[in-house]
Amino acid sequence: ALVLRQIGVCCSLVGRHRHAQICLDEAETLLQAHGSPADRLQARLSTL
């Protein structure tokens, strides 16, 4: 989940928006089950 979030952030920064969204969506889903509250908030920030 943490790696997917970082991939999503990097892809978003370089304009690969579709891939960024796919990675960030999967990261958020995984973090709902496996992440800390802080991880989930950071993922929301990245997605927005």
All heavy atoms as atom14 arrays in JSON, in Angstrom:
{
  "sequence": "ALVLRQIGVCCSLVGRHRHAQICLDEAETLLQAHGSPADRLQARLSTL",
  "atom14_mask": [
    [1, 1, 1, 1, 1, 0, 0, 0, 0, 0, 0, 0, 0, 0],
    [1, 1, 1, 1, 1, 1, 1, 1, 0, 0, 0, 0, 0, 0],
    [1, 1, 1, 1, 1, 1, 1, 0, 0, 0, 0, 0, 0, 0],
    [1, 1, 1, 1, 1, 1, 1, 1, 0, 0, 0, 0, 0, 0],
    [1, 1, 1, 1, 1, 1, 1, 1, 1, 1, 1, 0, 0, 0],
    [1, 1, 1, 1, 1, 1, 1, 1, 1, 0, 0, 0, 0, 0],
    [1, 1, 1, 1, 1, 1, 1, 1, 0, 0, 0, 0, 0, 0],
    [1, 1, 1, 1, 0, 0, 0, 0, 0, 0, 0, 0, 0, 0],
    [1, 1, 1, 1, 1, 1, 1, 0, 0, 0, 0, 0, 0, 0],
    [1, 1, 1, 1, 1, 1, 0, 0, 0, 0, 0, 0, 0, 0],
    [1, 1, 1, 1, 1, 1, 0, 0, 0, 0, 0, 0, 0, 0],
    [1, 1, 1, 1, 1, 1, 0, 0, 0, 0, 0, 0, 0, 0],
    [1, 1, 1, 1, 1, 1, 1, 1, 0, 0, 0, 0, 0, 0],
    [1, 1, 1, 1, 1, 1, 1, 0, 0, 0, 0, 0, 0, 0],
    [1, 1, 1, 1, 0, 0, 0, 0, 0, 0, 0, 0, 0, 0],
    [1, 1, 1, 1, 1, 1, 1, 1, 1, 1, 1, 0, 0, 0],
    [1, 1, 1, 1, 1, 1, 1, 1, 1, 1, 0, 0, 0, 0],
    [1, 1, 1, 1, 1, 1, 1, 1, 1, 1, 1, 0, 0, 0],
    [1, 1, 1, 1, 1, 1, 1, 1, 1, 1, 0, 0, 0, 0],
    [1, 1, 1, 1, 1, 0, 0, 0, 0, 0, 0, 0, 0, 0],
    [1, 1, 1, 1, 1, 1, 1, 1, 1, 0, 0, 0, 0, 0],
    [1, 1, 1, 1, 1, 1, 1, 1, 0, 0, 0, 0, 0, 0],
    [1, 1, 1, 1, 1, 1, 0, 0, 0, 0, 0, 0, 0, 0],
    [1, 1, 1, 1, 1, 1, 1, 1, 0, 0, 0, 0, 0, 0],
    [1, 1, 1, 1, 1, 1, 1, 1, 0, 0, 0, 0, 0, 0],
    [1, 1, 1, 1, 1, 1, 1, 1, 1, 0, 0, 0, 0, 0],
    [1, 1, 1, 1, 1, 0, 0, 0, 0, 0, 0, 0, 0, 0],
    [1, 1, 1, 1, 1, 1, 1, 1, 1, 0, 0, 0, 0, 0],
    [1, 1, 1, 1, 1, 1, 1, 0, 0, 0, 0, 0, 0, 0],
    [1, 1, 1, 1, 1, 1, 1, 1, 0, 0, 0, 0, 0, 0],
    [1, 1, 1, 1, 1, 1, 1, 1, 0, 0, 0, 0, 0, 0],
    [1, 1, 1, 1, 1, 1, 1, 1, 1, 0, 0, 0, 0, 0],
    [1, 1, 1, 1, 1, 0, 0, 0, 0, 0, 0, 0, 0, 0],
    [1, 1, 1, 1, 1, 1, 1, 1, 1, 1, 0, 0, 0, 0],
    [1, 1, 1, 1, 0, 0, 0, 0, 0, 0, 0, 0, 0, 0],
    [1, 1, 1, 1, 1, 1, 0, 0, 0, 0, 0, 0, 0, 0],
    [1, 1, 1, 1, 1, 1, 1, 0, 0, 0, 0, 0, 0, 0],
    [1, 1, 1, 1, 1, 0, 0, 0, 0, 0, 0, 0, 0, 0],
    [1, 1, 1, 1, 1, 1, 1, 1, 0, 0, 0, 0, 0, 0],
    [1, 1, 1, 1, 1, 1, 1, 1, 1, 1, 1, 0, 0, 0],
    [1, 1, 1, 1, 1, 1, 1, 1, 0, 0, 0, 0, 0, 0],
    [1, 1, 1, 1, 1, 1, 1, 1, 1, 0, 0, 0, 0, 0],
    [1, 1, 1, 1, 1, 0, 0, 0, 0, 0, 0, 0, 0, 0],
    [1, 1, 1, 1, 1, 1, 1, 1, 1, 1, 1, 0, 0, 0],
    [1, 1, 1, 1, 1, 1, 1, 1, 0, 0, 0, 0, 0, 0],
    [1, 1, 1, 1, 1, 1, 0, 0, 0, 0, 0, 0, 0, 0],
    [1, 1, 1, 1, 1, 1, 1, 0, 0, 0, 0, 0, 0, 0],
    [1, 1, 1, 1, 1, 1, 1, 1, 0, 0, 0, 0, 0, 0]
  ],
  "atom14_positions": [
    [[0.83, -1.21, 0.0], [0.0, 0.0, 0.0], [0.86, 1.26, 0.0], [0.59, 2.21, -0.74], [-0.94, 0.0, 1.2], [0.0, 0.0, 0.0], [0.0, 0.0, 0.0], [0.0, 0.0, 0.0], [0.0, 0.0, 0.0], [0.0, 0.0, 0.0], [0.0, 0.0, 0.0], [0.0, 0.0, 0.0], [0.0, 0.0, 0.0], [0.0, 0.0, 0.0]],
    [[1.91, 1.27, 0.82], [2.78, 2.45, 0.9], [3.53, 2.67, -0.41], [3.69, 3.82, -0.85], [3.75, 2.3, 2.08], [3.07, 2.17, 3.46], [4.11, 1.91, 4.55], [2.24, 3.41, 3.77], [0.0, 0.0, 0.0], [0.0, 0.0, 0.0], [0.0, 0.0, 0.0], [0.0, 0.0, 0.0], [0.0, 0.0, 0.0], [0.0, 0.0, 0.0]],
    [[3.97, 1.59, -1.05], [4.65, 1.7, -2.34], [3.68, 2.2, -3.41], [4.01, 3.08, -4.21], [5.29, 0.34, -2.73], [5.68, 0.32, -4.2], [6.48, 0.05, -1.85], [0.0, 0.0, 0.0], [0.0, 0.0, 0.0], [0.0, 0.0, 0.0], [0.0, 0.0, 0.0], [0.0, 0.0, 0.0], [0.0, 0.0, 0.0], [0.0, 0.0, 0.0]],
    [[2.47, 1.65, -3.42], [1.47, 2.09, -4.4], [1.15, 3.57, -4.24], [0.96, 4.28, -5.23], [0.21, 1.25, -4.29], [0.31, -0.17, -4.85], [-0.91, -0.99, -4.42], [0.46, -0.16, -6.36], [0.0, 0.0, 0.0], [0.0, 0.0, 0.0], [0.0, 0.0, 0.0], [0.0, 0.0, 0.0], [0.0, 0.0, 0.0], [0.0, 0.0, 0.0]],
    [[1.09, 4.02, -3.01], [0.84, 5.45, -2.79], [1.95, 6.28, -3.4], [1.7, 7.28, -4.07], [0.7, 5.74, -1.3], [0.46, 7.2, -1.01], [0.24, 7.49, 0.48], [0.47, 8.9, 0.71], [1.59, 9.4, 1.22], [2.56, 8.61, 1.63], [1.73, 10.69, 1.36], [0.0, 0.0, 0.0], [0.0, 0.0, 0.0], [0.0, 0.0, 0.0]],
    [[3.19, 5.87, -3.18], [4.32, 6.62, -3.73], [4.34, 6.58, -5.26], [4.64, 7.58, -5.91], [5.64, 6.1, -3.16], [5.82, 6.42, -1.69], [5.79, 7.91, -1.41], [6.33, 8.72, -2.15], [5.13, 8.29, -0.32], [0.0, 0.0, 0.0], [0.0, 0.0, 0.0], [0.0, 0.0, 0.0], [0.0, 0.0, 0.0], [0.0, 0.0, 0.0]],
    [[4.0, 5.42, -5.84], [3.91, 5.34, -7.3], [2.83, 6.31, -7.79], [3.04, 7.03, -8.76], [3.59, 3.9, -7.77], [4.77, 2.97, -7.49], [3.27, 3.88, -9.27], [4.46, 1.49, -7.73], [0.0, 0.0, 0.0], [0.0, 0.0, 0.0], [0.0, 0.0, 0.0], [0.0, 0.0, 0.0], [0.0, 0.0, 0.0], [0.0, 0.0, 0.0]],
    [[1.7, 6.32, -7.1], [0.61, 7.22, -7.48], [1.02, 8.68, -7.43], [0.72, 9.45, -8.33], [0.0, 0.0, 0.0], [0.0, 0.0, 0.0], [0.0, 0.0, 0.0], [0.0, 0.0, 0.0], [0.0, 0.0, 0.0], [0.0, 0.0, 0.0], [0.0, 0.0, 0.0], [0.0, 0.0, 0.0], [0.0, 0.0, 0.0], [0.0, 0.0, 0.0]],
    [[1.73, 9.05, -6.39], [2.19, 10.43, -6.25], [3.14, 10.77, -7.4], [2.98, 11.81, -8.06], [2.87, 10.66, -4.88], [3.59, 12.0, -4.83], [1.85, 10.55, -3.76], [0.0, 0.0, 0.0], [0.0, 0.0, 0.0], [0.0, 0.0, 0.0], [0.0, 0.0, 0.0], [0.0, 0.0, 0.0], [0.0, 0.0, 0.0], [0.0, 0.0, 0.0]],
    [[4.11, 9.91, -7.65], [5.08, 10.18, -8.72], [4.4, 10.26, -10.08], [4.69, 11.16, -10.88], [6.16, 9.09, -8.75], [7.34, 9.17, -7.4], [0.0, 0.0, 0.0], [0.0, 0.0, 0.0], [0.0, 0.0, 0.0], [0.0, 0.0, 0.0], [0.0, 0.0, 0.0], [0.0, 0.0, 0.0], [0.0, 0.0, 0.0], [0.0, 0.0, 0.0]],
    [[3.5, 9.32, -10.35], [2.81, 9.33, -11.64], [1.96, 10.59, -11.79], [1.9, 11.18, -12.87], [1.95, 8.07, -11.8], [2.93, 6.6, -12.12], [0.0, 0.0, 0.0], [0.0, 0.0, 0.0], [0.0, 0.0, 0.0], [0.0, 0.0, 0.0], [0.0, 0.0, 0.0], [0.0, 0.0, 0.0], [0.0, 0.0, 0.0], [0.0, 0.0, 0.0]],
    [[1.33, 11.01, -10.72], [0.54, 12.24, -10.76], [1.42, 13.44, -11.07], [1.05, 14.3, -11.87], [-0.19, 12.43, -9.42], [-0.85, 13.66, -9.38], [0.0, 0.0, 0.0], [0.0, 0.0, 0.0], [0.0, 0.0, 0.0], [0.0, 0.0, 0.0], [0.0, 0.0, 0.0], [0.0, 0.0, 0.0], [0.0, 0.0, 0.0], [0.0, 0.0, 0.0]],
    [[2.58, 13.5, -10.47], [3.49, 14.63, -10.68], [3.97, 14.75, -12.12], [4.22, 15.84, -12.61], [4.7, 14.53, -9.74], [4.41, 14.8, -8.26], [5.6, 14.39, -7.4], [4.06, 16.26, -8.03], [0.0, 0.0, 0.0], [0.0, 0.0, 0.0], [0.0, 0.0, 0.0], [0.0, 0.0, 0.0], [0.0, 0.0, 0.0], [0.0, 0.0, 0.0]],
    [[4.08, 13.6, -12.81], [4.57, 13.62, -14.2], [3.43, 13.57, -15.21], [3.66, 13.44, -16.4], [5.61, 12.52, -14.47], [6.84, 12.72, -13.61], [5.02, 11.13, -14.31], [0.0, 0.0, 0.0], [0.0, 0.0, 0.0], [0.0, 0.0, 0.0], [0.0, 0.0, 0.0], [0.0, 0.0, 0.0], [0.0, 0.0, 0.0], [0.0, 0.0, 0.0]],
    [[2.18, 13.64, -14.72], [1.04, 13.71, -15.64], [0.48, 12.37, -16.09], [-0.35, 12.33, -16.99], [0.0, 0.0, 0.0], [0.0, 0.0, 0.0], [0.0, 0.0, 0.0], [0.0, 0.0, 0.0], [0.0, 0.0, 0.0], [0.0, 0.0, 0.0], [0.0, 0.0, 0.0], [0.0, 0.0, 0.0], [0.0, 0.0, 0.0], [0.0, 0.0, 0.0]],
    [[0.89, 11.29, -15.45], [0.31, 9.98, -15.76], [-0.89, 9.77, -14.84], [-0.88, 8.95, -13.93], [1.37, 8.88, -15.59], [2.49, 8.97, -16.62], [3.6, 7.98, -16.37], [3.12, 6.62, -16.18], [3.87, 5.63, -15.71], [5.13, 5.84, -15.38], [3.36, 4.42, -15.56], [0.0, 0.0, 0.0], [0.0, 0.0, 0.0], [0.0, 0.0, 0.0]],
    [[-1.93, 10.54, -15.08], [-3.05, 10.65, -14.15], [-3.84, 9.36, -13.99], [-4.25, 9.02, -12.88], [-3.96, 11.81, -14.56], [-3.24, 13.12, -14.61], [-2.72, 13.72, -13.47], [-2.93, 13.93, -15.64], [-2.13, 14.85, -13.81], [-2.24, 15.01, -15.11], [0.0, 0.0, 0.0], [0.0, 0.0, 0.0], [0.0, 0.0, 0.0], [0.0, 0.0, 0.0]],
    [[-4.08, 8.65, -15.07], [-4.86, 7.42, -14.97], [-4.14, 6.38, -14.11], [-4.72, 5.79, -13.21], [-5.15, 6.86, -16.36], [-5.95, 5.57, -16.33], [-6.55, 5.23, -17.69], [-6.99, 3.88, -17.84], [-7.94, 3.28, -17.13], [-8.56, 3.93, -16.17], [-8.28, 2.04, -17.36], [0.0, 0.0, 0.0], [0.0, 0.0, 0.0], [0.0, 0.0, 0.0]],
    [[-2.85, 6.19, -14.37], [-2.09, 5.22, -13.57], [-2.0, 5.68, -12.11], [-2.08, 4.87, -11.19], [-0.7, 5.0, -14.17], [0.03, 3.87, -13.56], [-0.4, 2.56, -13.65], [1.16, 3.83, -12.8], [0.44, 1.77, -12.99], [1.39, 2.52, -12.47], [0.0, 0.0, 0.0], [0.0, 0.0, 0.0], [0.0, 0.0, 0.0], [0.0, 0.0, 0.0]],
    [[-1.84, 6.99, -11.92], [-1.8, 7.52, -10.56], [-3.07, 7.18, -9.81], [-3.02, 6.7, -8.66], [-1.59, 9.03, -10.6], [0.0, 0.0, 0.0], [0.0, 0.0, 0.0], [0.0, 0.0, 0.0], [0.0, 0.0, 0.0], [0.0, 0.0, 0.0], [0.0, 0.0, 0.0], [0.0, 0.0, 0.0], [0.0, 0.0, 0.0], [0.0, 0.0, 0.0]],
    [[-4.21, 7.38, -10.44], [-5.49, 7.11, -9.78], [-5.66, 5.64, -9.45], [-6.13, 5.28, -8.36], [-6.65, 7.6, -10.64], [-7.93, 7.72, -9.87], [-7.84, 8.7, -8.72], [-7.5, 9.86, -8.92], [-8.09, 8.26, -7.51], [0.0, 0.0, 0.0], [0.0, 0.0, 0.0], [0.0, 0.0, 0.0], [0.0, 0.0, 0.0], [0.0, 0.0, 0.0]],
    [[-5.25, 4.77, -10.37], [-5.35, 3.32, -10.12], [-4.51, 2.94, -8.9], [-4.98, 2.23, -8.01], [-4.9, 2.53, -11.38], [-5.94, 2.69, -12.49], [-4.67, 1.05, -11.05], [-5.47, 2.21, -13.85], [0.0, 0.0, 0.0], [0.0, 0.0, 0.0], [0.0, 0.0, 0.0], [0.0, 0.0, 0.0], [0.0, 0.0, 0.0], [0.0, 0.0, 0.0]],
    [[-3.28, 3.43, -8.85], [-2.4, 3.11, -7.72], [-2.92, 3.69, -6.41], [-2.92, 3.01, -5.37], [-0.99, 3.61, -8.0], [-0.14, 2.72, -9.31], [0.0, 0.0, 0.0], [0.0, 0.0, 0.0], [0.0, 0.0, 0.0], [0.0, 0.0, 0.0], [0.0, 0.0, 0.0], [0.0, 0.0, 0.0], [0.0, 0.0, 0.0], [0.0, 0.0, 0.0]],
    [[-3.37, 4.93, -6.45], [-3.85, 5.57, -5.23], [-5.13, 4.92, -4.72], [-5.32, 4.76, -3.51], [-4.04, 7.06, -5.45], [-2.73, 7.84, -5.63], [-2.99, 9.23, -6.17], [-1.95, 7.89, -4.33], [0.0, 0.0, 0.0], [0.0, 0.0, 0.0], [0.0, 0.0, 0.0], [0.0, 0.0, 0.0], [0.0, 0.0, 0.0], [0.0, 0.0, 0.0]],
    [[-6.01, 4.52, -5.64], [-7.24, 3.83, -5.22], [-6.91, 2.5, -4.54], [-7.48, 2.17, -3.49], [-8.17, 3.58, -6.42], [-8.84, 4.84, -6.92], [-8.81, 5.87, -6.22], [-9.39, 4.79, -8.05], [0.0, 0.0, 0.0], [0.0, 0.0, 0.0], [0.0, 0.0, 0.0], [0.0, 0.0, 0.0], [0.0, 0.0, 0.0], [0.0, 0.0, 0.0]],
    [[-5.99, 1.74, -5.14], [-5.61, 0.46, -4.52], [-4.93, 0.68, -3.18], [-5.18, -0.04, -2.21], [-4.72, -0.35, -5.46], [-4.41, -1.74, -4.89], [-3.58, -2.62, -5.81], [-3.26, -2.22, -6.95], [-3.24, -3.74, -5.36], [0.0, 0.0, 0.0], [0.0, 0.0, 0.0], [0.0, 0.0, 0.0], [0.0, 0.0, 0.0], [0.0, 0.0, 0.0]],
    [[-4.07, 1.7, -3.11], [-3.39, 2.0, -1.85], [-4.41, 2.34, -0.76], [-4.31, 1.82, 0.36], [-2.41, 3.16, -2.04], [0.0, 0.0, 0.0], [0.0, 0.0, 0.0], [0.0, 0.0, 0.0], [0.0, 0.0, 0.0], [0.0, 0.0, 0.0], [0.0, 0.0, 0.0], [0.0, 0.0, 0.0], [0.0, 0.0, 0.0], [0.0, 0.0, 0.0]],
    [[-5.39, 3.17, -1.09], [-6.4, 3.53, -0.09], [-7.18, 2.31, 0.38], [-7.45, 2.15, 1.57], [-7.35, 4.59, -0.64], [-6.79, 5.98, -0.58], [-7.85, 7.04, -0.7], [-8.46, 7.4, 0.33], [-8.08, 7.5, -1.85], [0.0, 0.0, 0.0], [0.0, 0.0, 0.0], [0.0, 0.0, 0.0], [0.0, 0.0, 0.0], [0.0, 0.0, 0.0]],
    [[-7.53, 1.43, -0.55], [-8.26, 0.21, -0.19], [-7.43, -0.66, 0.75], [-7.94, -1.14, 1.78], [-8.64, -0.58, -1.47], [-9.5, 0.24, -2.27], [-9.35, -1.88, -1.12], [0.0, 0.0, 0.0], [0.0, 0.0, 0.0], [0.0, 0.0, 0.0], [0.0, 0.0, 0.0], [0.0, 0.0, 0.0], [0.0, 0.0, 0.0], [0.0, 0.0, 0.0]],
    [[-6.16, -0.85, 0.42], [-5.29, -1.66, 1.27], [-5.07, -1.02, 2.63], [-5.04, -1.72, 3.65], [-3.94, -1.89, 0.58], [-3.95, -2.83, -0.62], [-2.63, -2.75, -1.38], [-4.25, -4.26, -0.19], [0.0, 0.0, 0.0], [0.0, 0.0, 0.0], [0.0, 0.0, 0.0], [0.0, 0.0, 0.0], [0.0, 0.0, 0.0], [0.0, 0.0, 0.0]],
    [[-4.95, 0.28, 2.65], [-4.71, 0.97, 3.92], [-5.93, 0.94, 4.83], [-5.78, 1.01, 6.06], [-4.25, 2.41, 3.68], [-2.83, 2.52, 3.11], [-2.54, 3.94, 2.65], [-1.8, 2.05, 4.14], [0.0, 0.0, 0.0], [0.0, 0.0, 0.0], [0.0, 0.0, 0.0], [0.0, 0.0, 0.0], [0.0, 0.0, 0.0], [0.0, 0.0, 0.0]],
    [[-7.12, 0.82, 4.27], [-8.31, 0.67, 5.1], [-8.2, -0.59, 5.97], [-8.63, -0.59, 7.12], [-9.58, 0.61, 4.25], [-9.97, 1.93, 3.64], [-10.19, 3.02, 4.69], [-10.79, 2.8, 5.74], [-9.67, 4.2, 4.4], [0.0, 0.0, 0.0], [0.0, 0.0, 0.0], [0.0, 0.0, 0.0], [0.0, 0.0, 0.0], [0.0, 0.0, 0.0]],
    [[-7.61, -1.63, 5.42], [-7.48, -2.88, 6.16], [-6.16, -3.01, 6.91], [-6.12, -3.67, 7.95], [-7.62, -4.06, 5.18], [0.0, 0.0, 0.0], [0.0, 0.0, 0.0], [0.0, 0.0, 0.0], [0.0, 0.0, 0.0], [0.0, 0.0, 0.0], [0.0, 0.0, 0.0], [0.0, 0.0, 0.0], [0.0, 0.0, 0.0], [0.0, 0.0, 0.0]],
    [[-5.09, -2.41, 6.41], [-3.76, -2.69, 6.95], [-3.0, -1.47, 7.46], [-1.95, -1.63, 8.07], [-2.9, -3.38, 5.88], [-3.51, -4.62, 5.33], [-3.54, -5.81, 6.01], [-4.16, -4.84, 4.15], [-4.16, -6.73, 5.28], [-4.55, -6.17, 4.15], [0.0, 0.0, 0.0], [0.0, 0.0, 0.0], [0.0, 0.0, 0.0], [0.0, 0.0, 0.0]],
    [[-3.51, -0.28, 7.21], [-2.75, 0.92, 7.56], [-3.19, 1.55, 8.87], [-4.26, 1.25, 9.4], [0.0, 0.0, 0.0], [0.0, 0.0, 0.0], [0.0, 0.0, 0.0], [0.0, 0.0, 0.0], [0.0, 0.0, 0.0], [0.0, 0.0, 0.0], [0.0, 0.0, 0.0], [0.0, 0.0, 0.0], [0.0, 0.0, 0.0], [0.0, 0.0, 0.0]],
    [[-2.34, 2.42, 9.34], [-2.67, 3.2, 10.53], [-3.6, 4.34, 10.13], [-3.73, 4.67, 8.95], [-1.39, 3.77, 11.14], [-0.87, 4.79, 10.28], [0.0, 0.0, 0.0], [0.0, 0.0, 0.0], [0.0, 0.0, 0.0], [0.0, 0.0, 0.0], [0.0, 0.0, 0.0], [0.0, 0.0, 0.0], [0.0, 0.0, 0.0], [0.0, 0.0, 0.0]],
    [[-4.25, 4.97, 11.11], [-5.06, 6.14, 10.77], [-4.27, 7.22, 10.04], [-4.76, 7.83, 9.1], [-5.56, 6.63, 12.14], [-5.59, 5.39, 12.98], [-4.39, 4.59, 12.53], [0.0, 0.0, 0.0], [0.0, 0.0, 0.0], [0.0, 0.0, 0.0], [0.0, 0.0, 0.0], [0.0, 0.0, 0.0], [0.0, 0.0, 0.0], [0.0, 0.0, 0.0]],
    [[-3.01, 7.43, 10.45], [-2.18, 8.43, 9.78], [-1.91, 8.03, 8.33], [-1.94, 8.88, 7.43], [-0.87, 8.63, 10.53], [0.0, 0.0, 0.0], [0.0, 0.0, 0.0], [0.0, 0.0, 0.0], [0.0, 0.0, 0.0], [0.0, 0.0, 0.0], [0.0, 0.0, 0.0], [0.0, 0.0, 0.0], [0.0, 0.0, 0.0], [0.0, 0.0, 0.0]],
    [[-1.65, 6.74, 8.08], [-1.45, 6.26, 6.7], [-2.67, 6.54, 5.84], [-2.56, 6.96, 4.69], [-1.17, 4.75, 6.68], [0.17, 4.36, 7.26], [1.11, 5.18, 7.2], [0.27, 3.22, 7.74], [0.0, 0.0, 0.0], [0.0, 0.0, 0.0], [0.0, 0.0, 0.0], [0.0, 0.0, 0.0], [0.0, 0.0, 0.0], [0.0, 0.0, 0.0]],
    [[-3.85, 6.29, 6.42], [-5.09, 6.5, 5.66], [-5.3, 7.99, 5.33], [-5.72, 8.34, 4.23], [-6.29, 5.92, 6.43], [-6.26, 4.4, 6.47], [-7.55, 3.81, 6.99], [-7.76, 4.01, 8.41], [-7.29, 3.23, 9.37], [-6.57, 2.17, 9.07], [-7.54, 3.48, 10.63], [0.0, 0.0, 0.0], [0.0, 0.0, 0.0], [0.0, 0.0, 0.0]],
    [[-4.98, 8.85, 6.29], [-5.12, 10.29, 6.05], [-4.13, 10.77, 4.99], [-4.48, 11.56, 4.12], [-4.94, 11.07, 7.35], [-6.04, 10.87, 8.39], [-5.64, 11.48, 9.73], [-7.36, 11.43, 7.9], [0.0, 0.0, 0.0], [0.0, 0.0, 0.0], [0.0, 0.0, 0.0], [0.0, 0.0, 0.0], [0.0, 0.0, 0.0], [0.0, 0.0, 0.0]],
    [[-2.9, 10.28, 5.05], [-1.9, 10.66, 4.06], [-2.32, 10.18, 2.66], [-2.12, 10.89, 1.67], [-0.53, 10.09, 4.42], [0.09, 10.79, 5.6], [1.35, 10.11, 6.1], [1.61, 8.95, 5.82], [2.14, 10.86, 6.84], [0.0, 0.0, 0.0], [0.0, 0.0, 0.0], [0.0, 0.0, 0.0], [0.0, 0.0, 0.0], [0.0, 0.0, 0.0]],
    [[-2.92, 9.01, 2.59], [-3.39, 8.49, 1.3], [-4.51, 9.36, 0.75], [-4.55, 9.64, -0.46], [-3.84, 7.04, 1.44], [0.0, 0.0, 0.0], [0.0, 0.0, 0.0], [0.0, 0.0, 0.0], [0.0, 0.0, 0.0], [0.0, 0.0, 0.0], [0.0, 0.0, 0.0], [0.0, 0.0, 0.0], [0.0, 0.0, 0.0], [0.0, 0.0, 0.0]],
    [[-5.41, 9.79, 1.63], [-6.48, 10.71, 1.17], [-5.89, 12.01, 0.64], [-6.34, 12.54, -0.38], [-7.46, 11.02, 2.32], [-8.48, 9.94, 2.56], [-9.43, 10.27, 3.7], [-10.25, 11.46, 3.46], [-10.95, 12.08, 4.41], [-10.95, 11.62, 5.64], [-11.67, 13.14, 4.11], [0.0, 0.0, 0.0], [0.0, 0.0, 0.0], [0.0, 0.0, 0.0]],
    [[-4.89, 12.53, 1.34], [-4.23, 13.75, 0.89], [-3.62, 13.54, -0.49], [-3.79, 14.38, -1.39], [-3.16, 14.17, 1.9], [-2.43, 15.46, 1.56], [-3.24, 16.66, 2.01], [-1.06, 15.48, 2.21], [0.0, 0.0, 0.0], [0.0, 0.0, 0.0], [0.0, 0.0, 0.0], [0.0, 0.0, 0.0], [0.0, 0.0, 0.0], [0.0, 0.0, 0.0]],
    [[-2.94, 12.42, -0.68], [-2.32, 12.13, -1.98], [-3.37, 12.0, -3.08], [-3.16, 12.49, -4.2], [-1.5, 10.84, -1.9], [-0.42, 10.99, -1.01], [0.0, 0.0, 0.0], [0.0, 0.0, 0.0], [0.0, 0.0, 0.0], [0.0, 0.0, 0.0], [0.0, 0.0, 0.0], [0.0, 0.0, 0.0], [0.0, 0.0, 0.0], [0.0, 0.0, 0.0]],
    [[-4.47, 11.35, -2.78], [-5.53, 11.17, -3.78], [-6.14, 12.51, -4.18], [-6.36, 12.78, -5.37], [-6.61, 10.21, -3.25], [-5.99, 8.93, -3.0], [-7.74, 10.03, -4.23], [0.0, 0.0, 0.0], [0.0, 0.0, 0.0], [0.0, 0.0, 0.0], [0.0, 0.0, 0.0], [0.0, 0.0, 0.0], [0.0, 0.0, 0.0], [0.0, 0.0, 0.0]],
    [[-6.4, 13.36, -3.2], [-6.96, 14.68, -3.51], [-5.96, 15.54, -4.29], [-6.34, 16.26, -5.21], [-7.4, 15.39, -2.24], [-8.69, 14.86, -1.62], [-8.94, 15.52, -0.26], [-9.86, 15.1, -2.54], [0.0, 0.0, 0.0], [0.0, 0.0, 0.0], [0.0, 0.0, 0.0], [0.0, 0.0, 0.0], [0.0, 0.0, 0.0], [0.0, 0.0, 0.0]]
  ]
}
